[in-house]
PDB file of N, CA and C in Angstrom:
ATOM      1  N   UNK A   1      11.356  19.518  -4.090  1.00  0.00           N
ATOM      2  CA  UNK A   1      10.254  19.908  -3.715  1.00  0.00           C
ATOM      3  C   UNK A   1       8.917  18.917  -3.285  1.00  0.00           C
ATOM      4  N   UNK A   2       8.560  18.626  -1.904  1.00  0.00           N
ATOM      5  CA  UNK A   2       7.549  17.753  -1.767  1.00  0.00           C
ATOM      6  C   UNK A   2       5.970  18.538  -1.339  1.00  0.00           C
ATOM      7  N   UNK A   3       5.274  17.951  -2.867  1.00  0.00           N
ATOM      8  CA  UNK A   3       3.717  17.946  -2.820  1.00  0.00           C
ATOM      9  C   UNK A   3       2.691  17.068  -2.270  1.00  0.00           C
ATOM     10  N   UNK A   4       2.265  17.637  -0.919  1.00  0.00           N
ATOM     11  CA  UNK A   4       1.114  16.836  -0.189  1.00  0.00           C
ATOM     12  C   UNK A   4      -0.538  17.001  -1.164  1.00  0.00           C
ATOM     13  N   UNK A   5      -0.685  15.518  -1.236  1.00  0.00           N
ATOM     14  CA  UNK A   5      -1.560  15.545  -1.928  1.00  0.00           C
ATOM     15  C   UNK A   5      -2.575  14.376  -1.103  1.00  0.00           C
ATOM     16  N   UNK A   6      -3.898  14.872  -1.346  1.00  0.00           N
ATOM     17  CA  UNK A   6      -5.044  13.936  -0.511  1.00  0.00           C
ATOM     18  C   UNK A   6      -5.676  12.760  -1.160  1.00  0.00           C
ATOM     19  N   UNK A   7      -6.400  11.867  -1.114  1.00  0.00           N
ATOM     20  CA  UNK A   7      -6.354  10.435  -1.919  1.00  0.00           C
ATOM     21  C   UNK A   7      -6.971  10.609  -2.917  1.00  0.00           C
ATOM     22  N   UNK A   8      -7.396  11.963  -3.500  1.00  0.00           N
ATOM     23  CA  UNK A   8      -8.171  12.174  -4.870  1.00  0.00           C
ATOM     24  C   UNK A   8      -6.883  12.336  -5.789  1.00  0.00           C
ATOM     25  N   UNK A   9      -5.648  12.771  -5.174  1.00  0.00           N
ATOM     26  CA  UNK A   9      -4.392  13.399  -5.667  1.00  0.00           C
ATOM     27  C   UNK A   9      -4.729  14.538  -6.011  1.00  0.00           C
ATOM     28  N   UNK A  10      -5.228  15.659  -5.546  1.00  0.00           N
ATOM     29  CA  UNK A  10      -5.043  16.793  -5.297  1.00  0.00           C
ATOM     30  C   UNK A  10      -4.620  17.597  -4.303  1.00  0.00           C
ATOM     31  N   UNK A  11      -3.676  18.498  -4.924  1.00  0.00           N
ATOM     32  CA  UNK A  11      -2.240  18.878  -3.972  1.00  0.00           C
ATOM     33  C   UNK A  11      -3.488  19.772  -2.690  1.00  0.00           C
ATOM     34  N   UNK A  12      -2.942  19.299  -1.406  1.00  0.00           N
ATOM     35  CA  UNK A  12      -3.590  20.190  -0.390  1.00  0.00           C
ATOM     36  C   UNK A  12      -1.912  20.749   0.261  1.00  0.00           C
ATOM     37  N   UNK A  13      -2.697  21.653   1.532  1.00  0.00           N
ATOM     38  CA  UNK A  13      -1.126  22.035   2.387  1.00  0.00           C
ATOM     39  C   UNK A  13      -1.152  21.181   3.160  1.00  0.00           C
ATOM     40  N   UNK A  14       0.635  21.633   3.868  1.00  0.00           N
ATOM     41  CA  UNK A  14       0.955  20.339   4.764  1.00  0.00           C
ATOM     42  C   UNK A  14       0.284  20.178   6.275  1.00  0.00           C
ATOM     43  N   UNK A  15      -0.371  21.470   6.506  1.00  0.00           N
ATOM     44  CA  UNK A  15      -1.699  22.078   7.764  1.00  0.00           C
ATOM     45  C   UNK A  15      -2.255  21.008   7.401  1.00  0.00           C
ATOM     46  N   UNK A  16      -2.810  20.503   6.512  1.00  0.00           N
ATOM     47  CA  UNK A  16      -4.221  19.952   6.075  1.00  0.00           C
ATOM     48  C   UNK A  16      -3.654  18.269   5.960  1.00  0.00           C
ATOM     49  N   UNK A  17      -2.148  18.405   5.651  1.00  0.00           N
ATOM     50  CA  UNK A  17      -1.712  16.421   5.428  1.00  0.00           C
ATOM     51  C   UNK A  17      -1.703  16.284   6.961  1.00  0.00           C
ATOM     52  N   UNK A  18      -1.006  16.941   7.647  1.00  0.00           N
ATOM     53  CA  UNK A  18      -0.650  16.599   8.676  1.00  0.00           C
ATOM     54  C   UNK A  18      -1.869  16.366   9.334  1.00  0.00           C
ATOM     55  N   UNK A  19      -3.178  17.433   9.189  1.00  0.00           N
ATOM     56  CA  UNK A  19      -4.477  17.010  10.184  1.00  0.00           C
ATOM     57  C   UNK A  19      -4.980  15.572   9.659  1.00  0.00           C
ATOM     58  N   UNK A  20      -4.960  15.193   8.126  1.00  0.00           N
ATOM     59  CA  UNK A  20      -4.888  14.147   7.433  1.00  0.00           C
ATOM     60  C   UNK A  20      -4.418  12.901   8.113  1.00  0.00           C
ATOM     61  N   UNK A  21      -3.381  12.879   8.197  1.00  0.00           N
ATOM     62  CA  UNK A  21      -2.213  11.611   8.780  1.00  0.00           C
ATOM     63  C   UNK A  21      -2.849  11.660   9.844  1.00  0.00           C
ATOM     64  N   UNK A  22      -3.776  11.747  11.113  1.00  0.00           N
ATOM     65  CA  UNK A  22      -3.839  11.830  12.346  1.00  0.00           C
ATOM     66  C   UNK A  22      -5.471  11.396  12.022  1.00  0.00           C
ATOM     67  N   UNK A  23      -5.503  10.776  11.162  1.00  0.00           N
ATOM     68  CA  UNK A  23      -7.100  10.338  11.159  1.00  0.00           C
ATOM     69  C   UNK A  23      -6.859   8.839  10.786  1.00  0.00           C
ATOM     70  N   UNK A  24      -6.750   7.540  11.007  1.00  0.00           N
ATOM     71  CA  UNK A  24      -6.396   6.196  10.615  1.00  0.00           C
ATOM     72  C   UNK A  24      -7.827   5.987   9.511  1.00  0.00           C
ATOM     73  N   UNK A  25      -8.820   6.335   9.766  1.00  0.00           N
ATOM     74  CA  UNK A  25      -9.957   6.274   9.049  1.00  0.00           C
ATOM     75  C   UNK A  25      -9.313   6.828   7.467  1.00  0.00           C
ATOM     76  N   UNK A  26      -8.569   7.978   7.423  1.00  0.00           N
ATOM     77  CA  UNK A  26      -8.860   8.029   6.260  1.00  0.00           C
ATOM     78  C   UNK A  26      -7.029   7.587   5.732  1.00  0.00           C
ATOM     79  N   UNK A  27      -6.450   7.421   6.961  1.00  0.00           N
ATOM     80  CA  UNK A  27      -4.876   6.809   6.509  1.00  0.00           C
ATOM     81  C   UNK A  27      -4.910   5.527   5.566  1.00  0.00           C
ATOM     82  N   UNK A  28      -5.887   4.615   6.020  1.00  0.00           N
ATOM     83  CA  UNK A  28      -5.762   2.736   6.318  1.00  0.00           C
ATOM     84  C   UNK A  28      -7.070   2.514   4.903  1.00  0.00           C
ATOM     85  N   UNK A  29      -6.375   2.246   4.179  1.00  0.00           N
ATOM     86  CA  UNK A  29      -7.196   2.022   3.001  1.00  0.00           C
ATOM     87  C   UNK A  29      -7.774   0.686   3.082  1.00  0.00           C
ATOM     88  N   UNK A  30      -7.048  -0.432   3.286  1.00  0.00           N
ATOM     89  CA  UNK A  30      -7.356  -1.897   3.807  1.00  0.00           C
ATOM     90  C   UNK A  30      -6.556  -2.679   4.581  1.00  0.00           C
ATOM     91  N   UNK A  31      -6.830  -3.415   4.953  1.00  0.00           N
ATOM     92  CA  UNK A  31      -6.073  -4.325   6.357  1.00  0.00           C
ATOM     93  C   UNK A  31      -6.593  -5.895   6.029  1.00  0.00           C
ATOM     94  N   UNK A  32      -5.539  -6.473   5.979  1.00  0.00           N
ATOM     95  CA  UNK A  32      -6.189  -8.120   6.210  1.00  0.00           C
ATOM     96  C   UNK A  32      -5.104  -8.896   6.884  1.00  0.00           C
ATOM     97  N   UNK A  33      -5.113  -9.922   7.118  1.00  0.00           N
ATOM     98  CA  UNK A  33      -4.539 -10.733   8.006  1.00  0.00           C
ATOM     99  C   UNK A  33      -4.370 -12.121   7.183  1.00  0.00           C
ATOM    100  N   UNK A  34      -3.843 -12.898   6.710  1.00  0.00           N
ATOM    101  CA  UNK A  34      -3.781 -14.358   5.974  1.00  0.00           C
ATOM    102  C   UNK A  34      -2.223 -15.077   6.201  1.00  0.00           C
ATOM    103  N   UNK A  35      -3.068 -16.303   6.399  1.00  0.00           N
ATOM    104  CA  UNK A  35      -2.392 -17.546   7.419  1.00  0.00           C
ATOM    105  C   UNK A  35      -1.390 -17.989   5.644  1.00  0.00           C
ATOM    106  N   UNK A  36      -0.335 -17.906   5.372  1.00  0.00           N
ATOM    107  CA  UNK A  36       0.811 -18.155   4.356  1.00  0.00           C
ATOM    108  C   UNK A  36       1.520 -19.686   4.641  1.00  0.00           C
ATOM    109  N   UNK A  37       1.478 -20.754   4.524  1.00  0.00           N
ATOM    110  CA  UNK A  37       2.404 -21.668   4.498  1.00  0.00           C
ATOM    111  C   UNK A  37       2.664 -21.517   6.219  1.00  0.00           C
ATOM    112  N   UNK A  38       1.468 -21.604   6.690  1.00  0.00           N
ATOM    113  CA  UNK A  38       0.925 -21.856   8.250  1.00  0.00           C
ATOM    114  C   UNK A  38       1.672 -20.412   9.486  1.00  0.00           C
ATOM    115  N   UNK A  39       2.003 -19.108   8.601  1.00  0.00           N
ATOM    116  CA  UNK A  39       2.553 -18.450   9.123  1.00  0.00           C
ATOM    117  C   UNK A  39       1.495 -17.200   9.071  1.00  0.00           C
ATOM    118  N   UNK A  40       1.535 -16.232   9.886  1.00  0.00           N
ATOM    119  CA  UNK A  40       0.533 -15.066   9.669  1.00  0.00           C
ATOM    120  C   UNK A  40       0.940 -14.214   8.895  1.00  0.00           C
ATOM    121  N   UNK A  41       0.467 -13.430   7.996  1.00  0.00           N
ATOM    122  CA  UNK A  41       1.010 -11.905   7.509  1.00  0.00           C
ATOM    123  C   UNK A  41      -0.221 -11.326   7.295  1.00  0.00           C
ATOM    124  N   UNK A  42       0.611 -10.090   7.299  1.00  0.00           N
ATOM    125  CA  UNK A  42      -0.522  -8.678   7.314  1.00  0.00           C
ATOM    126  C   UNK A  42      -0.131  -8.096   6.344  1.00  0.00           C
ATOM    127  N   UNK A  43      -1.220  -7.729   6.167  1.00  0.00           N
ATOM    128  CA  UNK A  43      -1.374  -6.973   5.144  1.00  0.00           C
ATOM    129  C   UNK A  43      -1.857  -5.510   4.454  1.00  0.00           C
ATOM    130  N   UNK A  44      -1.304  -4.422   4.301  1.00  0.00           N
ATOM    131  CA  UNK A  44      -1.841  -2.964   4.562  1.00  0.00           C
ATOM    132  C   UNK A  44      -1.524  -2.217   3.581  1.00  0.00           C
ATOM    133  N   UNK A  45      -2.641  -1.317   3.252  1.00  0.00           N
ATOM    134  CA  UNK A  45      -2.561  -0.302   2.306  1.00  0.00           C
ATOM    135  C   UNK A  45      -2.949   0.424   2.839  1.00  0.00           C
ATOM    136  N   UNK A  46      -1.925   1.738   2.611  1.00  0.00           N
ATOM    137  CA  UNK A  46      -1.988   3.388   3.456  1.00  0.00           C
ATOM    138  C   UNK A  46      -1.887   4.339   2.683  1.00  0.00           C
ATOM    139  N   UNK A  47      -2.495   5.733   2.842  1.00  0.00           N
ATOM    140  CA  UNK A  47      -2.532   6.468   1.896  1.00  0.00           C
ATOM    141  C   UNK A  47      -1.258   7.210   2.762  1.00  0.00           C
ATOM    142  N   UNK A  48      -0.636   7.514   2.308  1.00  0.00           N
ATOM    143  CA  UNK A  48       0.719   8.238   2.614  1.00  0.00           C
ATOM    144  C   UNK A  48       0.398   9.591   1.349  1.00  0.00           C
ATOM    145  N   UNK A  49       0.525  10.088   0.725  1.00  0.00           N
ATOM    146  CA  UNK A  49       0.048  11.936   0.391  1.00  0.00           C
ATOM    147  C   UNK A  49       1.349  12.419  -0.183  1.00  0.00           C
ATOM    148  N   UNK A  50       1.918  11.755  -0.579  1.00  0.00           N
ATOM    149  CA  UNK A  50       3.407  12.559  -0.535  1.00  0.00           C
ATOM    150  C   UNK A  50       3.903  12.314  -2.186  1.00  0.00           C
ATOM    151  N   UNK A  51       3.839  13.675  -2.556  1.00  0.00           N
ATOM    152  CA  UNK A  51       3.923  13.251  -4.334  1.00  0.00           C
ATOM    153  C   UNK A  51       5.271  14.073  -4.639  1.00  0.00           C
ATOM    154  N   UNK A  52       6.173  12.773  -4.077  1.00  0.00           N
ATOM    155  CA  UNK A  52       7.663  13.428  -4.416  1.00  0.00           C
ATOM    156  C   UNK A  52       7.663  13.859  -5.634  1.00  0.00           C
ATOM    157  N   UNK A  53       8.937  14.528  -6.304  1.00  0.00           N
ATOM    158  CA  UNK A  53       9.341  14.443  -8.059  1.00  0.00           C
ATOM    159  C   UNK A  53       9.847  13.161  -8.203  1.00  0.00           C
ATOM    160  N   UNK A  54      10.700  12.468  -7.662  1.00  0.00           N
ATOM    161  CA  UNK A  54      11.637  11.186  -8.026  1.00  0.00           C
ATOM    162  C   UNK A  54      10.713  10.023  -7.718  1.00  0.00           C
ATOM    163  N   UNK A  55       9.839  10.375  -7.231  1.00  0.00           N
ATOM    164  CA  UNK A  55       9.626   8.892  -6.687  1.00  0.00           C
ATOM    165  C   UNK A  55       7.837   9.159  -5.894  1.00  0.00           C
ATOM    166  N   UNK A  56       6.304   9.364  -6.545  1.00  0.00           N
ATOM    167  CA  UNK A  56       5.362   9.852  -6.086  1.00  0.00           C
ATOM    168  C   UNK A  56       5.188   8.734  -5.071  1.00  0.00           C
ATOM    169  N   UNK A  57       4.727   9.226  -3.387  1.00  0.00           N
ATOM    170  CA  UNK A  57       4.371   7.605  -2.714  1.00  0.00           C
ATOM    171  C   UNK A  57       3.230   7.927  -1.737  1.00  0.00           C
ATOM    172  N   UNK A  58       1.926   8.226  -3.034  1.00  0.00           N
ATOM    173  CA  UNK A  58       0.531   8.354  -2.713  1.00  0.00           C
ATOM    174  C   UNK A  58       0.639   7.063  -1.808  1.00  0.00           C
ATOM    175  N   UNK A  59      -0.045   6.327  -2.161  1.00  0.00           N
ATOM    176  CA  UNK A  59      -0.394   4.840  -1.863  1.00  0.00           C
ATOM    177  C   UNK A  59       0.705   3.882  -1.636  1.00  0.00           C
ATOM    178  N   UNK A  60       0.650   2.999  -0.455  1.00  0.00           N
ATOM    179  CA  UNK A  60       1.667   1.981  -0.001  1.00  0.00           C
ATOM    180  C   UNK A  60       0.943   0.773   0.166  1.00  0.00           C
ATOM    181  N   UNK A  61       1.281  -0.632  -0.118  1.00  0.00           N
ATOM    182  CA  UNK A  61       0.961  -1.529   0.570  1.00  0.00           C
ATOM    183  C   UNK A  61       2.129  -2.109   1.066  1.00  0.00           C
ATOM    184  N   UNK A  62       1.772  -3.020   2.532  1.00  0.00           N
ATOM    185  CA  UNK A  62       2.830  -3.238   2.802  1.00  0.00           C
ATOM    186  C   UNK A  62       2.744  -4.797   3.048  1.00  0.00           C
ATOM    187  N   UNK A  63       3.280  -5.607   3.312  1.00  0.00           N
ATOM    188  CA  UNK A  63       3.272  -7.660   3.340  1.00  0.00           C
ATOM    189  C   UNK A  63       4.150  -7.893   4.705  1.00  0.00           C
ATOM    190  N   UNK A  64       4.032  -7.668   5.553  1.00  0.00           N
ATOM    191  CA  UNK A  64       4.718  -7.934   6.998  1.00  0.00           C
ATOM    192  C   UNK A  64       4.384  -9.203   7.366  1.00  0.00           C
ATOM    193  N   UNK A  65       5.348 -10.607   7.414  1.00  0.00           N
ATOM    194  CA  UNK A  65       5.293 -11.422   7.791  1.00  0.00           C
ATOM    195  C   UNK A  65       5.565 -11.520   9.739  1.00  0.00           C
ATOM    196  N   UNK A  66       5.017 -12.169  10.411  1.00  0.00           N
ATOM    197  CA  UNK A  66       4.863 -12.079  11.636  1.00  0.00           C
ATOM    198  C   UNK A  66       6.611 -12.506  12.570  1.00  0.00           C
ATOM    199  N   UNK A  67       7.148 -11.455  12.841  1.00  0.00           N
ATOM    200  CA  UNK A  67       8.490 -12.363  13.021  1.00  0.00           C
ATOM    201  C   UNK A  67       9.293 -12.380  11.695  1.00  0.00           C
ATOM    202  N   UNK A  68       8.887 -11.756  10.318  1.00  0.00           N
ATOM    203  CA  UNK A  68      10.112 -11.575   9.256  1.00  0.00           C
ATOM    204  C   UNK A  68      10.584 -10.250   9.601  1.00  0.00           C
ATOM    205  N   UNK A  69      11.671 -10.239   9.103  1.00  0.00           N
ATOM    206  CA  UNK A  69      12.528  -9.075   9.529  1.00  0.00           C
ATOM    207  C   UNK A  69      12.283  -7.915   8.497  1.00  0.00           C
ATOM    208  N   UNK A  70      12.058  -7.994   6.941  1.00  0.00           N
ATOM    209  CA  UNK A  70      11.739  -6.697   6.795  1.00  0.00           C
ATOM    210  C   UNK A  70      10.468  -7.187   5.350  1.00  0.00           C
ATOM    211  N   UNK A  71       9.728  -6.031   5.691  1.00  0.00           N
ATOM    212  CA  UNK A  71       8.544  -6.123   4.798  1.00  0.00           C
ATOM    213  C   UNK A  71       8.521  -5.858   3.068  1.00  0.00           C
ATOM    214  N   UNK A  72       7.732  -6.322   2.560  1.00  0.00           N
ATOM    215  CA  UNK A  72       7.806  -6.183   1.162  1.00  0.00           C
ATOM    216  C   UNK A  72       6.411  -4.999   0.812  1.00  0.00           C
ATOM    217  N   UNK A  73       6.646  -4.002  -0.225  1.00  0.00           N
ATOM    218  CA  UNK A  73       6.217  -2.597  -0.534  1.00  0.00           C
ATOM    219  C   UNK A  73       5.849  -2.870  -1.877  1.00  0.00           C
ATOM    220  N   UNK A  74       4.950  -2.013  -2.367  1.00  0.00           N
ATOM    221  CA  UNK A  74       3.944  -1.621  -3.197  1.00  0.00           C
ATOM    222  C   UNK A  74       3.489  -0.218  -3.205  1.00  0.00           C
ATOM    223  N   UNK A  75       3.791   0.447  -4.691  1.00  0.00           N
ATOM    224  CA  UNK A  75       3.657   2.214  -4.143  1.00  0.00           C
ATOM    225  C   UNK A  75       2.401   1.865  -5.759  1.00  0.00           C
ATOM    226  N   UNK A  76       1.330   2.812  -5.253  1.00  0.00           N
ATOM    227  CA  UNK A  76       0.648   2.975  -6.009  1.00  0.00           C
ATOM    228  C   UNK A  76       0.104   4.518  -5.881  1.00  0.00           C
ATOM    229  N   UNK A  77      -0.074   5.190  -7.195  1.00  0.00           N
ATOM    230  CA  UNK A  77      -0.293   7.024  -7.799  1.00  0.00           C
ATOM    231  C   UNK A  77      -1.576   6.650  -7.483  1.00  0.00           C
ATOM    232  N   UNK A  78      -2.992   6.211  -7.530  1.00  0.00           N
ATOM    233  CA  UNK A  78      -3.896   6.456  -7.265  1.00  0.00           C
ATOM    234  C   UNK A  78      -4.585   5.457  -5.852  1.00  0.00           C
ATOM    235  N   UNK A  79      -5.902   6.012  -5.799  1.00  0.00           N
ATOM    236  CA  UNK A  79      -6.550   5.357  -4.578  1.00  0.00           C
ATOM    237  C   UNK A  79      -7.236   4.315  -5.292  1.00  0.00           C
ATOM    238  N   UNK A  80      -7.995   3.973  -6.849  1.00  0.00           N
ATOM    239  CA  UNK A  80      -8.274   2.944  -7.281  1.00  0.00           C
ATOM    240  C   UNK A  80      -7.078   1.907  -7.625  1.00  0.00           C
ATOM    241  N   UNK A  81      -5.606   2.265  -7.871  1.00  0.00           N
ATOM    242  CA  UNK A  81      -4.875   1.196  -8.858  1.00  0.00           C
ATOM    243  C   UNK A  81      -4.013   0.550  -6.765  1.00  0.00           C
ATOM    244  N   UNK A  82      -4.157   1.272  -5.808  1.00  0.00           N
ATOM    245  CA  UNK A  82      -3.867   0.919  -4.780  1.00  0.00           C
ATOM    246  C   UNK A  82      -5.203   0.046  -4.024  1.00  0.00           C
ATOM    247  N   UNK A  83      -6.061   0.119  -4.339  1.00  0.00           N
ATOM    248  CA  UNK A  83      -7.385  -0.703  -4.075  1.00  0.00           C
ATOM    249  C   UNK A  83      -7.515  -2.015  -4.679  1.00  0.00           C
ATOM    250  N   UNK A  84      -7.147  -1.881  -5.813  1.00  0.00           N
ATOM    251  CA  UNK A  84      -6.996  -3.115  -7.015  1.00  0.00           C
ATOM    252  C   UNK A  84      -5.701  -3.688  -5.920  1.00  0.00           C
ATOM    253  N   UNK A  85      -4.860  -3.229  -6.340  1.00  0.00           N
ATOM    254  CA  UNK A  85      -3.375  -3.584  -6.168  1.00  0.00           C
ATOM    255  C   UNK A  85      -3.199  -4.392  -4.712  1.00  0.00           C
ATOM    256  N   UNK A  86      -3.938  -3.922  -3.670  1.00  0.00           N
ATOM    257  CA  UNK A  86      -4.053  -4.448  -2.172  1.00  0.00           C
ATOM    258  C   UNK A  86      -4.801  -6.207  -2.290  1.00  0.00           C
ATOM    259  N   UNK A  87      -6.117  -6.245  -3.455  1.00  0.00           N
ATOM    260  CA  UNK A  87      -7.179  -7.201  -3.724  1.00  0.00           C
ATOM    261  C   UNK A  87      -6.101  -8.300  -4.055  1.00  0.00           C
ATOM    262  N   UNK A  88      -5.296  -8.022  -5.072  1.00  0.00           N
ATOM    263  CA  UNK A  88      -4.627  -8.732  -5.738  1.00  0.00           C
ATOM    264  C   UNK A  88      -3.228  -9.944  -4.791  1.00  0.00           C
ATOM    265  N   UNK A  89      -2.869  -8.423  -4.059  1.00  0.00           N
ATOM    266  CA  UNK A  89      -1.688  -9.186  -3.003  1.00  0.00           C
ATOM    267  C   UNK A  89      -2.029  -9.943  -2.247  1.00  0.00           C
ATOM    268  N   UNK A  90      -3.643 -10.104  -1.579  1.00  0.00           N
ATOM    269  CA  UNK A  90      -4.007 -10.580  -0.757  1.00  0.00           C
ATOM    270  C   UNK A  90      -4.636 -11.753  -1.753  1.00  0.00           C
ATOM    271  N   UNK A  91      -5.176 -11.627  -2.686  1.00  0.00           N
ATOM    272  CA  UNK A  91      -5.688 -13.024  -3.436  1.00  0.00           C
ATOM    273  C   UNK A  91      -4.728 -13.900  -3.573  1.00  0.00           C
ATOM    274  N   UNK A  92      -3.628 -13.339  -4.160  1.00  0.00           N
ATOM    275  CA  UNK A  92      -2.073 -14.290  -4.812  1.00  0.00           C
ATOM    276  C   UNK A  92      -2.006 -15.034  -3.404  1.00  0.00           C
ATOM    277  N   UNK A  93      -1.370 -14.140  -1.873  1.00  0.00           N
ATOM    278  CA  UNK A  93      -1.292 -15.060  -0.563  1.00  0.00           C
ATOM    279  C   UNK A  93      -2.058 -15.787  -0.117  1.00  0.00           C
ATOM    280  N   UNK A  94      -3.590 -15.995  -0.108  1.00  0.00           N
ATOM    281  CA  UNK A  94      -4.662 -16.575   0.225  1.00  0.00           C
ATOM    282  C   UNK A  94      -4.334 -18.182  -0.660  1.00  0.00           C
ATOM    283  N   UNK A  95      -4.471 -17.623  -2.173  1.00  0.00           N
ATOM    284  CA  UNK A  95      -4.427 -18.922  -3.080  1.00  0.00           C
ATOM    285  C   UNK A  95      -3.285 -19.560  -3.488  1.00  0.00           C
ATOM    286  N   UNK A  96      -2.013 -18.400  -3.441  1.00  0.00           N
ATOM    287  CA  UNK A  96      -0.446 -19.057  -3.549  1.00  0.00           C
ATOM    288  C   UNK A  96      -0.876 -19.162  -5.581  1.00  0.00           C
ATOM    289  N   UNK A  97      -2.056 -18.657  -5.871  1.00  0.00           N
ATOM    290  CA  UNK A  97      -1.611 -18.623  -7.542  1.00  0.00           C
ATOM    291  C   UNK A  97      -1.880 -16.858  -7.921  1.00  0.00           C
ATOM    292  N   UNK A  98      -1.201 -16.527  -8.786  1.00  0.00           N
ATOM    293  CA  UNK A  98      -0.749 -15.510  -9.266  1.00  0.00           C
ATOM    294  C   UNK A  98      -2.149 -14.642  -9.578  1.00  0.00           C
ATOM    295  N   UNK A  99      -3.254 -13.625  -9.262  1.00  0.00           N
ATOM    296  CA  UNK A  99      -4.409 -13.157  -9.600  1.00  0.00           C
ATOM    297  C   UNK A  99      -4.526 -13.306 -11.487  1.00  0.00           C
ATOM    298  N   UNK A 100      -5.923 -13.247 -11.530  1.00  0.00           N
ATOM    299  CA  UNK A 100      -6.274 -13.267 -12.865  1.00  0.00           C
ATOM    300  C   UNK A 100      -5.189 -12.533 -14.040  1.00  0.00           C
ATOM    301  N   UNK A 101      -4.740 -11.298 -13.516  1.00  0.00           N
ATOM    302  CA  UNK A 101      -4.518  -9.859 -14.173  1.00  0.00           C
ATOM    303  C   UNK A 101      -3.023  -9.994 -14.139  1.00  0.00           C
ATOM    304  N   UNK A 102      -2.494 -11.357 -14.112  1.00  0.00           N
ATOM    305  CA  UNK A 102      -1.393 -11.134 -13.349  1.00  0.00           C
ATOM    306  C   UNK A 102      -0.174 -10.959 -12.399  1.00  0.00           C
ATOM    307  N   UNK A 103       0.307 -11.577 -12.184  1.00  0.00           N
ATOM    308  CA  UNK A 103       1.286 -11.350 -10.606  1.00  0.00           C
ATOM    309  C   UNK A 103       1.983 -10.245 -10.390  1.00  0.00           C
ATOM    310  N   UNK A 104       1.422 -10.100  -8.922  1.00  0.00           N
ATOM    311  CA  UNK A 104       2.028  -8.479  -8.680  1.00  0.00           C
ATOM    312  C   UNK A 104       3.291  -8.526  -8.606  1.00  0.00           C
ATOM    313  N   UNK A 105       4.443  -9.826  -8.354  1.00  0.00           N
ATOM    314  CA  UNK A 105       5.356  -9.936  -8.674  1.00  0.00           C
ATOM    315  C   UNK A 105       5.947  -9.267  -9.813  1.00  0.00           C
ATOM    316  N   UNK A 106       5.266  -9.090 -10.539  1.00  0.00           N
ATOM    317  CA  UNK A 106       5.711  -8.395 -11.793  1.00  0.00           C
ATOM    318  C   UNK A 106       5.573  -6.770 -11.669  1.00  0.00           C
ATOM    319  N   UNK A 107       4.707  -6.301 -10.703  1.00  0.00           N
ATOM    320  CA  UNK A 107       5.167  -4.866 -10.431  1.00  0.00           C
ATOM    321  C   UNK A 107       5.016  -4.244  -9.118  1.00  0.00           C
ATOM    322  N   UNK A 108       5.700  -5.430  -8.625  1.00  0.00           N
ATOM    323  CA  UNK A 108       6.262  -5.006  -6.919  1.00  0.00           C
ATOM    324  C   UNK A 108       7.382  -4.148  -7.038  1.00  0.00           C
ATOM    325  N   UNK A 109       6.884  -3.515  -5.811  1.00  0.00           N
ATOM    326  CA  UNK A 109       8.616  -2.405  -5.614  1.00  0.00           C
ATOM    327  C   UNK A 109       9.018  -3.121  -4.421  1.00  0.00           C
ATOM    328  N   UNK A 110       9.679  -3.854  -4.516  1.00  0.00           N
ATOM    329  CA  UNK A 110       9.906  -4.543  -2.792  1.00  0.00           C
ATOM    330  C   UNK A 110      11.182  -3.911  -3.010  1.00  0.00           C
ATOM    331  N   UNK A 111      11.515  -3.887  -1.382  1.00  0.00           N
ATOM    332  CA  UNK A 111      12.513  -3.175  -0.469  1.00  0.00           C
ATOM    333  C   UNK A 111      13.299  -4.426   0.167  1.00  0.00           C
ATOM    334  N   UNK A 112      13.804  -4.753  -0.242  1.00  0.00           N
ATOM    335  CA  UNK A 112      14.930  -6.446   0.255  1.00  0.00           C
ATOM    336  C   UNK A 112      16.004  -5.987  -0.164  1.00  0.00           C
TER     337      UNK A 112
END
């Protein structure tokens, strides 16, 4: 059974979830373009609002290289973790170095 949740993790009705998904200012948490080795990479973190029993998908960060075939993705259970995770992904891409708190690759949920 799918539970729909808002950005704070509170259970909401499907009709409310549908209304919120139509509001880009609510869905998009952060979006950054980063140049990596001469290629443009887009990093976007979004609220999905799906709390599935087997795999909560409340927030997701996608990393997609222009011209690339498959994006990398990370899932986050809370808004704060999504914001911090997004910033770490962007910082690691921009500097080529793991973030101070550890590499995102150790926490990634890549779908390759």
